[in-house]
């Protein structure tokens, strides 16, 4: 979406990274090759995947125990990869 947004901004004469900041939610390898190179957040996928699996198992009644499933809210750290679009 950010790539399309940058294209639309450029078509309106707005320069991403100069006139307006564009930051993507999940940094991908493509972000560094776009012009301007896009700033993004890089999640730590392996620990995040492990924790999501734990949360999924905890929500299944057979694994949840006698108290049953509960709502879990967590905030996970992300690494900001600053490039030219911020």
N, C-alpha and C. Protein backbone atom coordinates (compact mmCIF):
# COMPACT_ATOMS: atom_id res chain seq x y z
N UNK A 1 0.82 -1.19 0.00
CA UNK A 1 0.00 0.00 0.00
C UNK A 1 0.87 1.25 0.00
N UNK A 2 1.98 1.21 0.74
CA UNK A 2 2.84 2.39 0.81
C UNK A 2 3.41 2.73 -0.56
N UNK A 3 3.74 1.70 -1.34
CA UNK A 3 4.28 1.96 -2.67
C UNK A 3 3.25 2.66 -3.54
N UNK A 4 2.02 2.20 -3.50
CA UNK A 4 0.95 2.86 -4.25
C UNK A 4 0.68 4.26 -3.72
N UNK A 5 0.76 4.42 -2.40
CA UNK A 5 0.57 5.74 -1.80
C UNK A 5 1.65 6.71 -2.24
N UNK A 6 2.89 6.26 -2.29
CA UNK A 6 3.99 7.11 -2.74
C UNK A 6 3.81 7.51 -4.20
N UNK A 7 3.34 6.58 -5.01
CA UNK A 7 3.09 6.88 -6.43
C UNK A 7 2.00 7.92 -6.56
N UNK A 8 0.92 7.76 -5.80
CA UNK A 8 -0.18 8.73 -5.85
C UNK A 8 0.28 10.10 -5.37
N UNK A 9 1.08 10.13 -4.31
CA UNK A 9 1.60 11.41 -3.81
C UNK A 9 2.46 12.09 -4.88
N UNK A 10 3.33 11.30 -5.52
CA UNK A 10 4.20 11.86 -6.56
C UNK A 10 3.39 12.42 -7.72
N UNK A 11 2.30 11.74 -8.07
CA UNK A 11 1.43 12.23 -9.15
C UNK A 11 0.76 13.54 -8.78
N UNK A 12 0.60 13.81 -7.47
CA UNK A 12 0.02 15.07 -7.02
C UNK A 12 1.09 16.13 -6.77
N UNK A 13 2.34 15.78 -7.06
CA UNK A 13 3.42 16.74 -6.87
C UNK A 13 3.95 16.80 -5.44
N UNK A 14 3.59 15.84 -4.63
CA UNK A 14 4.05 15.77 -3.24
C UNK A 14 5.20 14.77 -3.19
N UNK A 15 6.32 15.17 -2.62
CA UNK A 15 7.52 14.33 -2.60
C UNK A 15 7.61 13.55 -1.28
N UNK A 16 7.39 12.23 -1.32
CA UNK A 16 7.55 11.42 -0.12
C UNK A 16 8.98 11.54 0.41
N UNK A 17 9.11 11.70 1.71
CA UNK A 17 10.42 11.85 2.32
C UNK A 17 10.90 13.29 2.37
N UNK A 18 10.24 14.17 1.63
CA UNK A 18 10.58 15.59 1.65
C UNK A 18 9.39 16.41 2.15
N UNK A 19 8.25 16.27 1.46
CA UNK A 19 7.05 17.02 1.82
C UNK A 19 6.20 16.29 2.85
N UNK A 20 6.31 14.97 2.88
CA UNK A 20 5.50 14.15 3.77
C UNK A 20 6.26 12.87 4.11
N UNK A 21 6.10 12.40 5.34
CA UNK A 21 6.75 11.15 5.75
C UNK A 21 5.86 9.97 5.39
N UNK A 22 6.49 8.90 4.95
CA UNK A 22 5.78 7.65 4.66
C UNK A 22 6.51 6.54 5.41
N UNK A 23 5.80 5.85 6.27
CA UNK A 23 6.37 4.76 7.06
C UNK A 23 5.50 3.53 6.90
N UNK A 24 6.12 2.40 6.58
CA UNK A 24 5.37 1.16 6.41
C UNK A 24 5.30 0.41 7.73
N UNK A 25 4.26 -0.38 7.90
CA UNK A 25 4.05 -1.11 9.15
C UNK A 25 5.06 -2.25 9.28
N UNK A 26 5.29 -3.00 8.20
CA UNK A 26 6.24 -4.11 8.24
C UNK A 26 7.29 -3.91 7.16
N UNK A 27 8.53 -3.76 7.60
CA UNK A 27 9.66 -3.58 6.68
C UNK A 27 9.88 -4.85 5.88
N UNK A 28 10.03 -4.72 4.57
CA UNK A 28 10.35 -5.85 3.70
C UNK A 28 11.61 -5.49 2.92
N UNK A 29 12.29 -6.47 2.33
CA UNK A 29 13.48 -6.15 1.54
C UNK A 29 13.21 -5.15 0.42
N UNK A 30 12.01 -5.17 -0.14
CA UNK A 30 11.66 -4.24 -1.22
C UNK A 30 11.74 -2.78 -0.77
N UNK A 31 11.49 -2.52 0.50
CA UNK A 31 11.47 -1.14 1.01
C UNK A 31 12.78 -0.40 0.78
N UNK A 32 13.89 -1.10 0.84
CA UNK A 32 15.18 -0.41 0.69
C UNK A 32 15.48 -0.07 -0.76
N UNK A 33 14.80 -0.72 -1.71
CA UNK A 33 15.08 -0.48 -3.12
C UNK A 33 14.13 0.53 -3.75
N UNK A 34 13.07 0.89 -3.05
CA UNK A 34 12.12 1.87 -3.57
C UNK A 34 12.74 3.25 -3.48
N UNK A 35 12.28 4.17 -4.30
CA UNK A 35 12.80 5.54 -4.25
C UNK A 35 11.68 6.50 -3.90
N UNK A 36 11.74 7.16 -2.74
CA UNK A 36 12.79 7.05 -1.73
C UNK A 36 12.68 5.75 -0.95
N UNK A 37 13.82 5.30 -0.42
CA UNK A 37 13.82 4.07 0.39
C UNK A 37 12.86 4.28 1.57
N UNK A 38 11.97 3.30 1.79
CA UNK A 38 10.90 3.45 2.77
C UNK A 38 11.35 3.08 4.19
N UNK A 39 11.01 3.93 5.13
CA UNK A 39 11.20 3.66 6.55
C UNK A 39 10.13 2.66 6.98
N UNK A 40 10.48 1.72 7.84
CA UNK A 40 9.49 0.75 8.28
C UNK A 40 9.83 0.15 9.63
N UNK A 41 8.89 -0.58 10.16
CA UNK A 41 9.07 -1.30 11.41
C UNK A 41 9.39 -2.75 11.10
N UNK A 42 10.38 -3.31 11.80
CA UNK A 42 10.76 -4.70 11.59
C UNK A 42 10.44 -5.49 12.85
N UNK A 43 9.44 -6.38 12.76
CA UNK A 43 9.13 -7.21 13.92
C UNK A 43 10.14 -8.34 14.05
N UNK A 44 10.28 -8.86 15.24
CA UNK A 44 11.12 -10.03 15.48
C UNK A 44 10.24 -11.25 15.27
N UNK A 45 10.25 -11.80 14.07
CA UNK A 45 9.25 -12.79 13.65
C UNK A 45 9.33 -14.11 14.41
N UNK A 46 10.51 -14.62 14.68
CA UNK A 46 10.59 -15.93 15.34
C UNK A 46 9.99 -15.91 16.75
N UNK A 47 10.40 -14.98 17.64
CA UNK A 47 9.77 -14.95 18.96
C UNK A 47 8.29 -14.60 18.89
N UNK A 48 7.92 -13.77 17.94
CA UNK A 48 6.51 -13.39 17.79
C UNK A 48 5.69 -14.61 17.37
N UNK A 49 6.20 -15.39 16.43
CA UNK A 49 5.49 -16.59 15.98
C UNK A 49 5.35 -17.61 17.10
N UNK A 50 6.43 -17.76 17.88
CA UNK A 50 6.39 -18.69 19.02
C UNK A 50 5.32 -18.27 20.02
N UNK A 51 5.29 -16.98 20.32
CA UNK A 51 4.31 -16.47 21.30
C UNK A 51 2.89 -16.60 20.77
N UNK A 52 2.70 -16.33 19.49
CA UNK A 52 1.36 -16.49 18.90
C UNK A 52 0.88 -17.93 18.99
N UNK A 53 1.79 -18.89 18.75
CA UNK A 53 1.43 -20.30 18.87
C UNK A 53 1.03 -20.63 20.31
N UNK A 54 1.78 -20.10 21.28
CA UNK A 54 1.42 -20.31 22.69
C UNK A 54 0.05 -19.74 22.99
N UNK A 55 -0.22 -18.55 22.48
CA UNK A 55 -1.52 -17.91 22.73
C UNK A 55 -2.65 -18.70 22.08
N UNK A 56 -2.40 -19.22 20.89
CA UNK A 56 -3.42 -20.02 20.20
C UNK A 56 -3.73 -21.29 20.99
N UNK A 57 -2.69 -21.99 21.41
CA UNK A 57 -2.91 -23.20 22.20
C UNK A 57 -3.64 -22.89 23.51
N UNK A 58 -3.30 -21.77 24.13
CA UNK A 58 -3.95 -21.39 25.38
C UNK A 58 -5.43 -21.07 25.18
N UNK A 59 -5.81 -20.73 23.95
CA UNK A 59 -7.22 -20.39 23.71
C UNK A 59 -8.08 -21.62 23.39
N UNK A 60 -7.46 -22.76 23.13
CA UNK A 60 -8.20 -23.99 22.84
C UNK A 60 -8.62 -24.61 24.17
N UNK A 61 -9.90 -24.89 24.36
CA UNK A 61 -10.39 -25.38 25.65
C UNK A 61 -9.60 -26.56 26.22
N UNK A 62 -9.16 -27.47 25.38
CA UNK A 62 -8.43 -28.64 25.87
C UNK A 62 -7.10 -28.25 26.52
N UNK A 63 -6.53 -27.10 26.13
CA UNK A 63 -5.25 -26.64 26.68
C UNK A 63 -5.43 -25.53 27.72
N UNK A 64 -6.59 -24.92 27.75
CA UNK A 64 -6.80 -23.73 28.58
C UNK A 64 -6.95 -24.05 30.07
N UNK A 65 -7.29 -25.29 30.39
CA UNK A 65 -7.47 -25.65 31.79
C UNK A 65 -8.87 -25.32 32.27
N UNK A 66 -9.14 -25.52 33.55
CA UNK A 66 -10.49 -25.35 34.09
C UNK A 66 -10.99 -23.90 34.04
N UNK A 67 -10.09 -22.93 34.05
CA UNK A 67 -10.52 -21.52 34.02
C UNK A 67 -10.99 -21.09 32.64
N UNK A 68 -10.68 -21.88 31.61
CA UNK A 68 -11.10 -21.53 30.26
C UNK A 68 -10.17 -20.52 29.61
N UNK A 69 -10.51 -20.14 28.39
CA UNK A 69 -9.71 -19.17 27.63
C UNK A 69 -9.91 -17.78 28.21
N UNK A 70 -8.91 -16.93 28.04
CA UNK A 70 -9.01 -15.55 28.51
C UNK A 70 -8.47 -14.62 27.44
N UNK A 71 -8.84 -13.38 27.53
CA UNK A 71 -8.34 -12.38 26.59
C UNK A 71 -6.92 -12.01 26.98
N UNK A 72 -6.04 -12.01 26.01
CA UNK A 72 -4.64 -11.67 26.24
C UNK A 72 -4.30 -10.44 25.41
N UNK A 73 -3.75 -9.45 26.06
CA UNK A 73 -3.30 -8.25 25.34
C UNK A 73 -1.82 -8.05 25.63
N UNK A 74 -1.04 -7.95 24.58
CA UNK A 74 0.39 -7.76 24.73
C UNK A 74 0.87 -6.72 23.73
N UNK A 75 1.93 -6.03 24.09
CA UNK A 75 2.59 -5.10 23.19
C UNK A 75 3.99 -5.64 22.95
N UNK A 76 4.33 -5.83 21.69
CA UNK A 76 5.62 -6.39 21.35
C UNK A 76 6.52 -5.31 20.76
N UNK A 77 7.79 -5.33 21.10
CA UNK A 77 8.70 -4.30 20.58
C UNK A 77 8.96 -4.51 19.09
N UNK A 78 9.14 -3.40 18.40
CA UNK A 78 9.48 -3.42 16.99
C UNK A 78 10.73 -2.58 16.79
N UNK A 79 11.54 -2.95 15.82
CA UNK A 79 12.73 -2.17 15.49
C UNK A 79 12.36 -1.21 14.36
N UNK A 80 12.68 0.06 14.52
CA UNK A 80 12.44 1.05 13.46
C UNK A 80 13.64 1.09 12.55
N UNK A 81 13.41 0.86 11.27
CA UNK A 81 14.45 0.93 10.25
C UNK A 81 14.27 2.25 9.50
N UNK A 82 15.05 3.25 9.90
CA UNK A 82 14.92 4.60 9.31
C UNK A 82 15.62 4.66 7.97
N UNK A 83 14.87 5.11 6.98
CA UNK A 83 15.42 5.30 5.64
C UNK A 83 15.02 6.68 5.14
N UNK A 84 14.94 6.86 3.84
CA UNK A 84 14.75 8.18 3.24
C UNK A 84 13.33 8.73 3.30
N UNK A 85 12.34 7.89 3.59
CA UNK A 85 10.94 8.37 3.49
C UNK A 85 10.40 8.98 4.77
N UNK A 86 11.20 9.06 5.81
CA UNK A 86 10.69 9.68 7.03
C UNK A 86 11.16 11.10 7.06
